[in-house]
N, C-alpha and C. Protein backbone atom coordinates (compact mmCIF):
# COMPACT_ATOMS: atom_id res chain seq x y z
N UNK A 1 130.70 -100.03 179.04
CA UNK A 1 130.48 -99.29 177.80
C UNK A 1 131.80 -99.13 177.05
N UNK A 2 132.83 -98.71 177.77
CA UNK A 2 134.11 -98.42 177.12
C UNK A 2 134.73 -99.68 176.53
N UNK A 3 134.68 -100.79 177.27
CA UNK A 3 135.29 -102.03 176.82
C UNK A 3 134.54 -102.66 175.65
N UNK A 4 133.26 -102.36 175.47
CA UNK A 4 132.44 -103.00 174.44
C UNK A 4 132.29 -102.13 173.20
N UNK A 5 133.40 -101.62 172.68
CA UNK A 5 133.38 -100.79 171.48
C UNK A 5 132.78 -101.51 170.27
N UNK A 6 132.84 -102.84 170.26
CA UNK A 6 132.37 -103.60 169.11
C UNK A 6 130.85 -103.50 168.91
N UNK A 7 130.14 -102.97 169.88
CA UNK A 7 128.69 -102.86 169.74
C UNK A 7 128.27 -101.66 168.91
N UNK A 8 129.23 -100.95 168.33
CA UNK A 8 128.92 -99.87 167.40
C UNK A 8 128.49 -98.57 168.05
N UNK A 9 128.87 -98.33 169.29
CA UNK A 9 128.52 -97.08 169.95
C UNK A 9 129.30 -95.94 169.31
N UNK A 10 128.57 -94.94 168.82
CA UNK A 10 129.20 -93.78 168.21
C UNK A 10 129.20 -92.65 169.24
N UNK A 11 130.37 -92.43 169.86
CA UNK A 11 130.49 -91.44 170.93
C UNK A 11 130.11 -90.05 170.47
N UNK A 12 130.29 -89.75 169.19
CA UNK A 12 129.99 -88.41 168.66
C UNK A 12 128.49 -88.10 168.71
N UNK A 13 127.65 -89.12 168.81
CA UNK A 13 126.20 -88.89 168.84
C UNK A 13 125.68 -88.63 170.24
N UNK A 14 126.54 -88.75 171.24
CA UNK A 14 126.11 -88.52 172.63
C UNK A 14 126.37 -87.07 172.99
N UNK A 15 125.30 -86.34 173.30
CA UNK A 15 125.42 -84.92 173.60
C UNK A 15 125.22 -84.63 175.09
N UNK A 16 124.62 -85.57 175.81
CA UNK A 16 124.36 -85.36 177.23
C UNK A 16 124.71 -86.61 178.02
N UNK A 17 125.52 -86.43 179.05
CA UNK A 17 125.86 -87.51 179.97
C UNK A 17 125.14 -87.23 181.28
N UNK A 18 124.32 -88.18 181.72
CA UNK A 18 123.61 -88.03 182.99
C UNK A 18 124.20 -89.03 183.97
N UNK A 19 124.70 -88.52 185.09
CA UNK A 19 125.25 -89.36 186.14
C UNK A 19 124.34 -89.21 187.35
N UNK A 20 123.48 -90.20 187.55
CA UNK A 20 122.55 -90.16 188.68
C UNK A 20 123.22 -90.77 189.90
N UNK A 21 122.85 -90.29 191.06
CA UNK A 21 123.46 -90.73 192.33
C UNK A 21 124.97 -90.58 192.27
N UNK A 22 125.41 -89.41 191.79
CA UNK A 22 126.84 -89.16 191.61
C UNK A 22 127.62 -89.31 192.90
N UNK A 23 127.03 -88.94 194.03
CA UNK A 23 127.76 -89.07 195.29
C UNK A 23 128.07 -90.53 195.59
N UNK A 24 127.09 -91.41 195.36
CA UNK A 24 127.31 -92.84 195.60
C UNK A 24 128.34 -93.42 194.65
N UNK A 25 128.23 -93.08 193.36
CA UNK A 25 129.17 -93.61 192.37
C UNK A 25 130.60 -93.20 192.67
N UNK A 26 130.80 -91.91 192.96
CA UNK A 26 132.15 -91.45 193.23
C UNK A 26 132.66 -91.98 194.56
N UNK A 27 131.78 -92.07 195.54
CA UNK A 27 132.17 -92.61 196.85
C UNK A 27 132.57 -94.09 196.73
N UNK A 28 131.93 -94.84 195.83
CA UNK A 28 132.25 -96.26 195.66
C UNK A 28 133.46 -96.48 194.76
N UNK A 29 134.05 -95.40 194.26
CA UNK A 29 135.29 -95.55 193.50
C UNK A 29 135.14 -95.59 192.00
N UNK A 30 134.03 -95.09 191.46
CA UNK A 30 133.82 -95.12 190.01
C UNK A 30 134.28 -93.84 189.31
N UNK A 31 135.08 -93.04 189.98
CA UNK A 31 135.56 -91.80 189.38
C UNK A 31 136.31 -92.06 188.08
N UNK A 32 137.19 -93.06 188.07
CA UNK A 32 137.97 -93.38 186.87
C UNK A 32 137.06 -93.71 185.70
N UNK A 33 136.03 -94.53 185.93
CA UNK A 33 135.12 -94.92 184.86
C UNK A 33 134.33 -93.73 184.34
N UNK A 34 133.86 -92.87 185.25
CA UNK A 34 133.10 -91.69 184.83
C UNK A 34 134.00 -90.78 183.99
N UNK A 35 135.23 -90.59 184.43
CA UNK A 35 136.17 -89.75 183.68
C UNK A 35 136.48 -90.34 182.30
N UNK A 36 136.61 -91.67 182.20
CA UNK A 36 136.87 -92.32 180.90
C UNK A 36 135.72 -92.08 179.93
N UNK A 37 134.49 -92.18 180.43
CA UNK A 37 133.32 -91.91 179.58
C UNK A 37 133.35 -90.46 179.13
N UNK A 38 133.61 -89.53 180.06
CA UNK A 38 133.66 -88.11 179.72
C UNK A 38 134.71 -87.82 178.65
N UNK A 39 135.87 -88.49 178.73
CA UNK A 39 136.94 -88.28 177.77
C UNK A 39 136.54 -88.69 176.35
N UNK A 40 135.64 -89.66 176.24
CA UNK A 40 135.21 -90.16 174.93
C UNK A 40 134.22 -89.22 174.25
N UNK A 41 133.56 -88.39 175.02
CA UNK A 41 132.51 -87.52 174.47
C UNK A 41 133.10 -86.27 173.84
N UNK A 42 132.30 -85.64 172.98
CA UNK A 42 132.75 -84.40 172.33
C UNK A 42 132.94 -83.32 173.39
N UNK A 43 133.77 -82.33 173.08
CA UNK A 43 134.08 -81.28 174.06
C UNK A 43 132.86 -80.42 174.38
N UNK A 44 131.87 -80.38 173.49
CA UNK A 44 130.71 -79.52 173.72
C UNK A 44 129.52 -80.28 174.32
N UNK A 45 129.76 -81.46 174.88
CA UNK A 45 128.66 -82.21 175.50
C UNK A 45 128.26 -81.56 176.83
N UNK A 46 127.10 -81.92 177.32
CA UNK A 46 126.62 -81.47 178.63
C UNK A 46 126.67 -82.64 179.60
N UNK A 47 127.01 -82.35 180.84
CA UNK A 47 127.00 -83.37 181.87
C UNK A 47 126.05 -82.92 182.96
N UNK A 48 125.14 -83.82 183.33
CA UNK A 48 124.20 -83.56 184.42
C UNK A 48 124.51 -84.56 185.52
N UNK A 49 124.83 -84.05 186.69
CA UNK A 49 125.11 -84.90 187.84
C UNK A 49 124.03 -84.67 188.88
N UNK A 50 123.39 -85.75 189.30
CA UNK A 50 122.26 -85.63 190.21
C UNK A 50 122.48 -86.47 191.47
N UNK A 51 121.93 -85.98 192.56
CA UNK A 51 121.94 -86.74 193.80
C UNK A 51 121.06 -86.02 194.81
N UNK A 52 120.51 -86.78 195.75
CA UNK A 52 119.71 -86.17 196.81
C UNK A 52 120.61 -85.38 197.76
N UNK A 53 121.80 -85.88 198.02
CA UNK A 53 122.77 -85.17 198.86
C UNK A 53 124.14 -85.26 198.20
N UNK A 54 124.84 -84.15 198.21
CA UNK A 54 126.20 -84.13 197.67
C UNK A 54 127.10 -83.50 198.73
N UNK A 55 127.89 -84.33 199.41
CA UNK A 55 128.82 -83.80 200.41
C UNK A 55 129.83 -82.86 199.74
N UNK A 56 130.41 -81.93 200.51
CA UNK A 56 131.33 -80.95 199.93
C UNK A 56 132.47 -81.56 199.11
N UNK A 57 133.08 -82.66 199.55
CA UNK A 57 134.20 -83.23 198.79
C UNK A 57 133.73 -83.82 197.46
N UNK A 58 132.51 -84.34 197.41
CA UNK A 58 131.97 -84.86 196.15
C UNK A 58 131.57 -83.71 195.24
N UNK A 59 131.05 -82.62 195.82
CA UNK A 59 130.72 -81.44 195.01
C UNK A 59 131.99 -80.88 194.36
N UNK A 60 133.08 -80.83 195.11
CA UNK A 60 134.35 -80.34 194.57
C UNK A 60 134.81 -81.22 193.41
N UNK A 61 134.72 -82.52 193.60
CA UNK A 61 135.11 -83.46 192.56
C UNK A 61 134.22 -83.30 191.32
N UNK A 62 132.92 -83.13 191.53
CA UNK A 62 131.99 -82.93 190.41
C UNK A 62 132.31 -81.64 189.67
N UNK A 63 132.66 -80.59 190.40
CA UNK A 63 133.02 -79.32 189.75
C UNK A 63 134.29 -79.46 188.92
N UNK A 64 135.24 -80.29 189.39
CA UNK A 64 136.47 -80.53 188.63
C UNK A 64 136.16 -81.25 187.31
N UNK A 65 135.10 -82.03 187.30
CA UNK A 65 134.76 -82.83 186.12
C UNK A 65 133.86 -82.08 185.15
N UNK A 66 133.48 -80.86 185.47
CA UNK A 66 132.57 -80.10 184.61
C UNK A 66 133.16 -78.72 184.32
N UNK A 67 132.59 -78.05 183.31
CA UNK A 67 132.95 -76.67 183.01
C UNK A 67 131.70 -75.83 183.07
N UNK A 68 131.82 -74.61 183.52
CA UNK A 68 130.67 -73.70 183.64
C UNK A 68 129.54 -74.36 184.41
N UNK A 69 129.87 -75.01 185.52
CA UNK A 69 128.87 -75.74 186.29
C UNK A 69 127.87 -74.80 186.95
N UNK A 70 126.64 -75.26 186.98
CA UNK A 70 125.58 -74.58 187.71
C UNK A 70 125.13 -75.55 188.80
N UNK A 71 125.15 -75.11 190.03
CA UNK A 71 124.76 -75.96 191.15
C UNK A 71 123.36 -75.58 191.58
N UNK A 72 122.46 -76.54 191.56
CA UNK A 72 121.07 -76.31 191.96
C UNK A 72 120.82 -77.12 193.21
N UNK A 73 120.32 -76.47 194.23
CA UNK A 73 120.07 -77.16 195.50
C UNK A 73 118.69 -76.81 196.01
N UNK A 74 118.04 -77.79 196.58
CA UNK A 74 116.77 -77.58 197.27
C UNK A 74 117.04 -77.80 198.74
N UNK A 75 116.83 -76.79 199.55
CA UNK A 75 117.12 -76.94 200.97
C UNK A 75 118.57 -76.62 201.26
N UNK A 76 119.08 -77.18 202.34
CA UNK A 76 120.45 -76.95 202.77
C UNK A 76 121.40 -77.88 202.01
N UNK A 77 122.40 -77.31 201.30
CA UNK A 77 123.34 -78.17 200.57
C UNK A 77 124.02 -79.17 201.50
N UNK A 78 124.13 -80.41 201.02
CA UNK A 78 124.79 -81.46 201.79
C UNK A 78 123.91 -82.16 202.80
N UNK A 79 122.64 -81.77 202.86
CA UNK A 79 121.73 -82.38 203.83
C UNK A 79 120.45 -82.82 203.11
N UNK A 80 119.79 -83.85 203.63
CA UNK A 80 118.51 -84.25 203.02
C UNK A 80 117.51 -83.10 203.07
N UNK A 81 116.65 -83.03 202.08
CA UNK A 81 115.70 -81.93 201.99
C UNK A 81 114.32 -82.37 202.46
N UNK A 82 113.82 -81.68 203.47
CA UNK A 82 112.50 -81.99 204.01
C UNK A 82 111.36 -81.55 203.09
N UNK A 83 111.64 -80.60 202.17
CA UNK A 83 110.56 -80.09 201.33
C UNK A 83 110.33 -80.91 200.06
N UNK A 84 111.16 -81.90 199.81
CA UNK A 84 110.96 -82.76 198.64
C UNK A 84 110.07 -83.92 199.05
N UNK A 85 108.99 -84.09 198.32
CA UNK A 85 108.04 -85.15 198.63
C UNK A 85 108.15 -86.24 197.58
N UNK A 86 108.26 -87.47 198.05
CA UNK A 86 108.31 -88.62 197.15
C UNK A 86 106.91 -89.21 197.04
N UNK A 87 106.55 -89.59 195.83
CA UNK A 87 105.23 -90.17 195.61
C UNK A 87 105.39 -91.48 194.84
N UNK A 88 104.76 -92.53 195.34
CA UNK A 88 104.77 -93.82 194.65
C UNK A 88 103.34 -94.13 194.26
N UNK A 89 103.14 -94.40 192.98
CA UNK A 89 101.81 -94.72 192.48
C UNK A 89 101.84 -96.08 191.80
N UNK A 90 100.90 -96.94 192.15
CA UNK A 90 100.74 -98.20 191.44
C UNK A 90 99.74 -97.94 190.32
N UNK A 91 100.19 -98.14 189.09
CA UNK A 91 99.36 -97.81 187.94
C UNK A 91 99.36 -98.97 186.97
N UNK A 92 98.17 -99.34 186.52
CA UNK A 92 98.05 -100.39 185.50
C UNK A 92 98.66 -99.88 184.20
N UNK A 93 99.21 -100.77 183.40
CA UNK A 93 99.91 -100.42 182.16
C UNK A 93 99.07 -99.49 181.27
N UNK A 94 97.80 -99.80 181.11
CA UNK A 94 96.96 -99.03 180.18
C UNK A 94 96.71 -97.60 180.66
N UNK A 95 96.92 -97.34 181.96
CA UNK A 95 96.64 -96.01 182.50
C UNK A 95 97.89 -95.19 182.77
N UNK A 96 99.07 -95.71 182.43
CA UNK A 96 100.32 -95.04 182.77
C UNK A 96 100.45 -93.65 182.15
N UNK A 97 100.17 -93.54 180.86
CA UNK A 97 100.34 -92.26 180.17
C UNK A 97 99.39 -91.20 180.74
N UNK A 98 98.13 -91.57 180.92
CA UNK A 98 97.15 -90.63 181.46
C UNK A 98 97.52 -90.20 182.87
N UNK A 99 97.97 -91.14 183.70
CA UNK A 99 98.36 -90.83 185.07
C UNK A 99 99.58 -89.92 185.09
N UNK A 100 100.56 -90.20 184.24
CA UNK A 100 101.75 -89.36 184.17
C UNK A 100 101.39 -87.93 183.82
N UNK A 101 100.59 -87.74 182.77
CA UNK A 101 100.22 -86.39 182.36
C UNK A 101 99.38 -85.70 183.43
N UNK A 102 98.56 -86.44 184.12
CA UNK A 102 97.78 -85.88 185.21
C UNK A 102 98.70 -85.39 186.32
N UNK A 103 99.71 -86.19 186.64
CA UNK A 103 100.67 -85.83 187.67
C UNK A 103 101.47 -84.59 187.26
N UNK A 104 101.93 -84.56 186.01
CA UNK A 104 102.77 -83.46 185.55
C UNK A 104 102.02 -82.15 185.41
N UNK A 105 100.72 -82.20 185.24
CA UNK A 105 99.94 -80.96 185.12
C UNK A 105 99.34 -80.50 186.45
N UNK A 106 99.51 -81.28 187.51
CA UNK A 106 99.01 -80.90 188.83
C UNK A 106 100.07 -80.04 189.52
N UNK A 107 99.83 -78.73 189.59
CA UNK A 107 100.82 -77.81 190.14
C UNK A 107 101.04 -77.98 191.64
N UNK A 108 100.17 -78.69 192.31
CA UNK A 108 100.39 -78.99 193.74
C UNK A 108 101.41 -80.11 193.92
N UNK A 109 101.50 -81.01 192.93
CA UNK A 109 102.41 -82.15 193.03
C UNK A 109 103.73 -81.93 192.31
N UNK A 110 103.71 -81.14 191.25
CA UNK A 110 104.87 -81.04 190.39
C UNK A 110 105.19 -79.57 190.11
N UNK A 111 106.38 -79.15 190.49
CA UNK A 111 106.84 -77.79 190.23
C UNK A 111 107.96 -77.86 189.20
N UNK A 112 107.63 -77.66 187.92
CA UNK A 112 108.64 -77.82 186.87
C UNK A 112 109.71 -76.73 186.89
N UNK A 113 110.82 -77.05 186.26
CA UNK A 113 111.91 -76.10 186.06
C UNK A 113 111.98 -75.78 184.57
N UNK A 114 112.51 -74.63 184.23
CA UNK A 114 112.76 -74.35 182.83
C UNK A 114 114.19 -73.84 182.70
N UNK A 115 114.73 -73.97 181.50
CA UNK A 115 116.10 -73.54 181.28
C UNK A 115 116.10 -72.17 180.65
N UNK A 116 116.68 -71.22 181.36
CA UNK A 116 116.81 -69.87 180.83
C UNK A 116 118.13 -69.79 180.08
N UNK A 117 118.12 -69.27 178.85
CA UNK A 117 119.36 -69.20 178.07
C UNK A 117 120.49 -68.53 178.85
N UNK A 118 121.58 -69.25 179.00
CA UNK A 118 122.74 -68.72 179.69
C UNK A 118 122.62 -68.63 181.20
N UNK A 119 121.47 -69.04 181.76
CA UNK A 119 121.27 -68.87 183.20
C UNK A 119 121.01 -70.20 183.91
N UNK A 120 120.93 -71.31 183.19
CA UNK A 120 120.66 -72.57 183.85
C UNK A 120 119.17 -72.77 184.07
N UNK A 121 118.82 -73.60 185.04
CA UNK A 121 117.43 -73.94 185.28
C UNK A 121 116.84 -73.06 186.37
N UNK A 122 115.58 -72.67 186.19
CA UNK A 122 114.88 -71.80 187.13
C UNK A 122 113.48 -72.35 187.36
N UNK A 123 112.92 -72.05 188.55
CA UNK A 123 111.55 -72.46 188.82
C UNK A 123 110.57 -71.70 187.95
N UNK A 124 109.51 -72.37 187.51
CA UNK A 124 108.47 -71.72 186.71
C UNK A 124 107.54 -71.00 187.66
């Protein structure tokens, strides 16, 4: 992304940076690249770092890269969570939207979070 400035990327239009599998990325040595992207963004952007497990040294590194961080954990921090259930559904193209909304409205399968002003995300 950084090297391809000629593609017209306007960094000022990016308000949220999502780094998925942050533990893997940082463990594989991509800290410099993540920091370069962060430096290009406006100071008031949000960064969301996600991972199934975040070891203590990666959590420390992630906290250094963020301000006013909120840490959300399901289960024991740094360990896989037994209470998270993964679901794989094979869905025909024409039924994807209906299936998604069905899944999202089923309170047995999906427990949404909401953002409380100034308090981060909380369970509904």
